[in-house]
Amino acid sequence: ARGSLLAALRRLREQRSDTAALPGTLRDGPVPHPRSSTSRGARLHFRFSRELARSTEILQATLYLFWAAPSPGAQPVTVRLLRPDPAGTNATVVATETRLEVQRPGWATLDVGPAARSLSGQESPRLTVELEVPGDGGPPLLADHGDPHRPFVVAQARARTPHRVHRRGVDCGADSRTCCRQEFFVDFKEIGWEDWIIQPEGYHMNYCAGLCPLHMAGIPGLAASFHTAVLNRIKAASAAAAVDSCCVPTQRRPLSLLYYDRDSNIVKTDIPDMIVDSCGCT
């Protein structure tokens, strides 16, 4: 099953080039090559909209960095998270400083949740990360900033003001028998996919269930389409009508997925029609 899904995701990725940010992922600005700043350092800038910063609360955030082949032995790296100077100048001050030991090529992660949460209310929200390696020369520590090894931040967030999503259709209750949307959560860990799917940890796929009597299938808003409503009105008036209506999805939306492909590259893809939002009768 995993191989089939990976193949399908690869085909989807080949069909279209998708550069949109994952919901909960901060868009990053231009990332300079390490040799374009100091000889052994770089600054990474991750931006997101002011509207997003005001309307959402960041629960957690993780920085992903792909290290190129380091010099023999462990290589120390200093990672600083910078924030705007409270004095109001254009300067920045160090919010936190972490020392890492890079021993092998590959992806590394760093918790940047507190720094990301502090961006709320800023005029131009931006998370700035400064990397520094002692000494001169040697191979670059960061991989080239082109995809698929571009540094990025993944953030989980929730709306500050909960709002009800208006749907055409009905959600299933304990005693529901007619067509409705049944909520169903898929936990990727439970099905053994947590080792290659980075985000999300799971999702509400939902499904449609219940009966579709003709009097219900002919009601606009509960029918899958206006065409279906008219057709079922005709069927209800005909004694010869013998075809039952079915409860099917009437509105779906995509799922944004961040995962490792077969070459250990991190890929972001929007998979269409993965989440059922509402149901109706055919």
Protein backbone atom coordinates (compact mmCIF):
# COMPACT_ATOMS: atom_id res chain seq x y z
CA ALA A 1 0.00 0.00 0.00
CA ARG A 2 2.83 2.38 0.84
CA GLY A 3 4.56 1.73 -2.49
CA SER A 4 1.35 2.33 -4.42
CA LEU A 5 0.72 5.60 -2.61
CA LEU A 6 4.28 6.79 -3.21
CA ALA A 7 3.92 5.97 -6.90
CA ALA A 8 0.65 7.91 -7.05
CA LEU A 9 2.21 10.88 -5.26
CA ARG A 10 5.15 10.83 -7.66
CA ARG A 11 2.80 10.89 -10.66
CA LEU A 12 0.84 13.74 -9.08
CA ARG A 13 4.04 15.69 -8.51
CA GLU A 14 5.10 15.18 -12.14
CA GLN A 15 1.73 16.40 -13.41
CA ARG A 16 2.03 19.80 -11.77
CA SER A 17 4.64 21.88 -10.02
CA ASP A 18 3.24 22.92 -6.65
CA THR A 19 5.06 25.64 -4.73
CA ALA A 20 2.25 26.68 -2.38
CA ALA A 21 3.01 26.66 1.32
CA LEU A 22 1.58 23.89 3.44
CA PRO A 23 -1.13 25.15 5.82
CA GLY A 24 0.83 25.71 8.96
CA THR A 25 4.08 26.10 7.00
CA LEU A 26 5.78 29.48 6.99
CA ARG A 27 6.79 30.76 3.58
CA ASP A 28 10.51 31.36 3.41
CA GLY A 29 12.22 34.25 1.72
CA PRO A 30 15.34 34.05 -0.45
CA VAL A 31 17.93 31.84 1.26
CA PRO A 32 21.49 32.98 0.61
CA HIS A 33 24.17 30.38 -0.06
CA PRO A 34 26.48 30.12 2.97
CA ARG A 35 29.40 31.54 0.99
CA SER A 36 27.38 34.63 0.01
CA SER A 37 27.31 36.00 3.57
CA THR A 38 30.27 35.18 5.81
CA SER A 39 32.66 32.49 4.64
CA ARG A 40 31.12 30.02 7.08
CA GLY A 41 27.73 31.46 7.94
CA ALA A 42 24.28 32.22 6.61
CA ARG A 43 21.01 33.90 7.51
CA LEU A 44 17.68 32.31 6.65
CA HIS A 45 14.46 34.35 6.58
CA PHE A 46 11.01 32.77 6.93
CA ARG A 47 8.06 35.11 6.34
CA PHE A 48 4.31 34.78 6.62
CA SER A 49 1.44 37.18 6.18
CA ARG A 50 0.42 39.67 8.86
CA GLU A 51 -3.20 38.51 8.53
CA LEU A 52 -2.15 34.92 9.27
CA ALA A 53 -0.15 36.00 12.32
CA ARG A 54 -3.14 37.89 13.71
CA SER A 55 -5.78 35.25 13.05
CA THR A 56 -3.92 32.12 14.15
CA GLU A 57 -2.12 30.86 17.23
CA ILE A 58 1.06 28.88 16.57
CA LEU A 59 1.11 25.73 18.70
CA GLN A 60 4.50 24.44 17.64
CA ALA A 61 7.08 25.05 14.93
CA THR A 62 10.05 23.03 13.68
CA LEU A 63 12.97 24.16 11.54
CA TYR A 64 14.24 21.65 8.95
CA LEU A 65 17.82 21.96 7.69
CA PHE A 66 19.58 19.64 5.26
CA TRP A 67 23.30 19.37 5.95
CA ALA A 68 25.63 18.73 3.04
CA ALA A 69 28.62 16.43 3.59
CA PRO A 70 30.56 17.87 6.55
CA SER A 71 34.29 17.68 7.08
CA PRO A 72 35.63 14.47 8.67
CA GLY A 73 34.46 14.22 12.25
CA ALA A 74 31.73 16.12 14.06
CA GLN A 75 31.33 19.74 13.00
CA PRO A 76 29.98 22.28 15.52
CA VAL A 77 27.24 24.61 14.32
CA THR A 78 25.79 27.56 16.21
CA VAL A 79 22.14 28.27 15.44
CA ARG A 80 20.75 31.63 16.57
CA LEU A 81 17.13 32.70 16.38
CA LEU A 82 16.93 36.46 15.91
CA ARG A 83 14.10 38.87 16.67
CA PRO A 84 13.60 42.59 15.96
CA ASP A 85 15.28 44.96 18.38
CA PRO A 86 12.66 46.20 20.93
CA ALA A 87 14.21 49.66 20.58
CA GLY A 88 12.43 49.94 17.24
CA THR A 89 15.47 50.06 14.99
CA ASN A 90 16.01 47.81 12.00
CA ALA A 91 18.58 45.83 13.98
CA THR A 92 17.99 42.36 15.42
CA VAL A 93 18.89 40.79 18.75
CA VAL A 94 19.53 37.15 19.64
CA ALA A 95 16.46 35.44 21.11
CA THR A 96 18.00 31.99 21.60
CA GLU A 97 21.27 30.30 20.74
CA THR A 98 21.77 26.55 20.27
CA ARG A 99 24.93 24.58 19.55
CA LEU A 100 24.64 21.48 17.35
CA GLU A 101 27.11 18.78 16.30
CA VAL A 102 26.78 17.76 12.65
CA GLN A 103 28.20 14.27 12.14
CA ARG A 104 26.64 13.12 8.88
CA PRO A 105 24.73 14.46 5.88
CA GLY A 106 20.95 14.55 6.05
CA TRP A 107 18.00 16.36 7.59
CA ALA A 108 18.15 17.83 11.08
CA THR A 109 15.36 19.50 13.04
CA LEU A 110 15.25 22.23 15.66
CA ASP A 111 12.31 23.40 17.77
CA VAL A 112 11.56 27.06 16.99
CA GLY A 113 8.09 27.18 18.55
CA PRO A 114 8.73 29.95 21.13
CA ALA A 115 10.39 32.15 18.51
CA ALA A 116 7.56 31.61 16.03
CA ARG A 117 4.91 32.38 18.66
CA SER A 118 6.66 35.66 19.50
CA LEU A 119 5.98 36.91 15.96
CA SER A 120 2.32 37.56 16.74
CA GLY A 121 1.45 41.24 16.41
CA GLN A 122 4.53 42.21 14.43
CA GLU A 123 4.08 44.56 11.49
CA SER A 124 6.12 42.30 9.18
CA PRO A 125 6.29 38.86 10.82
CA ARG A 126 9.57 37.17 9.98
CA LEU A 127 11.56 34.42 11.63
CA THR A 128 15.30 34.90 11.09
CA VAL A 129 17.78 32.07 11.68
CA GLU A 130 21.53 32.66 11.74
CA LEU A 131 23.95 29.75 11.23
CA GLU A 132 27.64 29.98 12.08
CA VAL A 133 30.48 27.47 11.72
CA PRO A 134 33.92 28.27 13.17
CA GLY A 135 36.88 28.39 10.81
CA ASP A 136 37.29 29.16 7.13
CA GLY A 137 37.31 26.99 4.06
CA GLY A 138 35.98 23.47 3.75
CA PRO A 139 32.78 22.36 2.03
CA PRO A 140 29.57 24.34 2.54
CA LEU A 141 27.57 23.05 5.48
CA LEU A 142 24.13 23.77 4.06
CA ALA A 143 22.98 22.07 0.91
CA ASP A 144 22.24 24.27 -2.09
CA HIS A 145 19.08 26.30 -1.48
CA GLY A 146 17.27 24.89 -4.51
CA ASP A 147 14.56 22.28 -4.02
CA PRO A 148 14.26 19.64 -2.70
CA HIS A 149 16.77 20.44 0.09
CA ARG A 150 15.71 24.00 0.74
CA PRO A 151 15.46 24.86 4.47
CA PHE A 152 11.89 25.31 5.70
CA VAL A 153 9.76 25.67 8.82
CA VAL A 154 6.67 23.60 9.57
CA ALA A 155 4.21 25.14 12.03
CA GLN A 156 1.02 23.78 13.54
CA ALA A 157 -1.55 26.49 14.20
CA ARG A 158 -5.17 27.01 15.12
CA ALA A 159 -7.59 29.86 14.56
CA ARG A 160 -7.73 32.39 17.40
CA THR A 161 -11.48 32.88 16.98
CA PRO A 162 -13.23 29.56 16.41
CA HIS A 163 -15.80 29.80 13.67
CA ARG A 164 -18.33 27.34 12.44
CA VAL A 165 -17.85 26.06 8.93
CA HIS A 166 -21.14 26.20 7.05
CA ARG A 167 -21.71 23.07 5.02
CA ARG A 168 -24.42 21.98 2.68
CA GLY A 169 -25.53 18.72 4.20
CA VAL A 170 -25.83 17.08 7.59
CA ASP A 171 -23.29 15.58 9.98
CA CYS A 172 -24.12 12.16 11.38
CA GLY A 173 -25.43 11.87 14.90
CA ALA A 174 -25.81 8.86 17.17
CA ASP A 175 -29.20 7.91 15.71
CA SER A 176 -28.71 9.10 12.12
CA ARG A 177 -30.14 6.82 9.44
CA THR A 178 -30.50 9.17 6.48
CA CYS A 179 -27.62 10.44 4.35
CA CYS A 180 -25.03 12.30 6.43
CA ARG A 181 -21.31 12.96 6.80
CA GLN A 182 -19.57 10.69 9.30
CA GLU A 183 -16.38 12.12 10.79
CA PHE A 184 -13.45 9.70 10.66
CA PHE A 185 -9.86 10.45 11.69
CA VAL A 186 -6.92 8.59 10.17
CA ASP A 187 -3.81 8.43 12.39
CA PHE A 188 -0.76 7.79 10.19
CA LYS A 189 1.07 6.25 13.16
CA GLU A 190 -1.63 3.62 13.60
CA ILE A 191 -1.22 2.47 10.00
CA GLY A 192 2.58 2.49 10.14
CA TRP A 193 3.22 5.53 7.93
CA GLU A 194 4.74 7.88 10.51
CA ASP A 195 8.28 7.05 9.33
CA TRP A 196 7.80 8.68 5.92
CA ILE A 197 4.94 11.16 6.35
CA ILE A 198 6.27 14.25 8.15
CA GLN A 199 3.11 16.34 8.40
CA PRO A 200 0.29 16.11 9.20
CA GLU A 201 0.26 13.34 11.83
CA GLY A 202 -3.19 12.38 10.60
CA TYR A 203 -6.32 13.88 9.06
CA HIS A 204 -10.11 13.74 9.06
CA MET A 205 -10.90 11.87 5.86
CA ASN A 206 -14.64 11.46 6.71
CA TYR A 207 -17.12 9.47 4.65
CA CYS A 208 -20.79 9.42 3.66
CA ALA A 209 -23.33 7.00 5.08
CA GLY A 210 -27.07 6.58 5.39
CA LEU A 211 -30.24 6.07 3.38
CA CYS A 212 -31.51 8.25 0.55
CA PRO A 213 -35.32 7.99 0.31
CA LEU A 214 -36.72 9.65 -2.81
CA HIS A 215 -38.45 12.43 -0.90
CA MET A 216 -35.07 13.40 0.60
CA ALA A 217 -33.05 12.95 -2.59
CA GLY A 218 -35.35 15.40 -4.36
CA ILE A 219 -34.65 18.29 -2.00
CA PRO A 220 -32.16 20.87 -3.37
CA GLY A 221 -29.32 21.19 -0.87
CA LEU A 222 -29.55 17.57 0.19
CA ALA A 223 -29.26 16.20 -3.32
CA ALA A 224 -25.79 15.89 -4.82
CA SER A 225 -26.74 18.45 -7.50
CA PHE A 226 -29.75 20.37 -8.82
CA HIS A 227 -29.85 17.93 -11.74
CA THR A 228 -30.12 15.09 -9.22
CA ALA A 229 -32.91 16.88 -7.35
CA VAL A 230 -34.97 17.24 -10.56
CA LEU A 231 -34.28 13.64 -11.58
CA ASN A 232 -35.35 12.27 -8.22
CA ARG A 233 -38.54 14.37 -8.29
CA ILE A 234 -39.38 12.65 -11.57
CA LYS A 235 -38.48 9.25 -10.12
CA ALA A 236 -40.67 9.89 -7.07
CA ALA A 237 -43.65 10.65 -9.32
CA SER A 238 -43.12 7.53 -11.41
CA ALA A 239 -44.45 4.21 -10.23
CA ALA A 240 -41.83 2.48 -12.38
CA ALA A 241 -38.90 4.12 -10.58
CA ALA A 242 -36.89 1.29 -9.04
CA VAL A 243 -33.37 2.74 -8.81
CA ASP A 244 -32.35 3.72 -5.29
CA SER A 245 -30.34 6.87 -4.62
CA CYS A 246 -26.93 6.64 -2.94
CA CYS A 247 -25.30 8.80 -0.28
CA VAL A 248 -22.14 10.27 -1.82
CA PRO A 249 -19.69 13.15 -1.21
CA THR A 250 -20.88 16.45 -2.68
CA GLN A 251 -17.94 18.59 -1.57
CA ARG A 252 -14.31 17.61 -1.07
CA ARG A 253 -11.08 19.47 -0.47
CA PRO A 254 -7.39 18.63 -0.82
CA LEU A 255 -4.96 17.40 1.81
CA SER A 256 -1.52 19.01 2.01
CA LEU A 257 1.12 16.36 2.66
CA LEU A 258 4.80 16.71 3.57
CA TYR A 259 6.71 13.44 3.16
CA TYR A 260 10.02 11.73 2.34
CA ASP A 261 10.23 10.23 -1.14
CA ARG A 262 12.31 7.15 -2.04
CA ASP A 263 15.47 9.28 -2.30
CA SER A 264 14.91 10.83 1.16
CA ASN A 265 13.97 14.17 -0.38
CA ILE A 266 11.27 16.11 1.44
CA VAL A 267 8.34 16.73 -0.88
CA LYS A 268 5.20 18.83 -0.41
CA THR A 269 2.10 17.84 -2.39
CA ASP A 270 -1.57 18.80 -2.34
CA ILE A 271 -3.59 15.62 -2.90
CA PRO A 272 -7.01 16.52 -4.34
CA ASP A 273 -10.35 15.27 -3.00
CA MET A 274 -8.95 13.68 0.17
CA ILE A 275 -11.29 15.26 2.74
CA VAL A 276 -15.07 14.89 2.56
CA ASP A 277 -16.79 18.11 3.68
CA SER A 278 -20.42 17.34 2.85
CA CYS A 279 -22.66 14.56 1.54
CA GLY A 280 -25.81 14.31 -0.53
CA CYS A 281 -28.00 11.88 -2.43
CA THR A 282 -27.47 10.92 -6.07
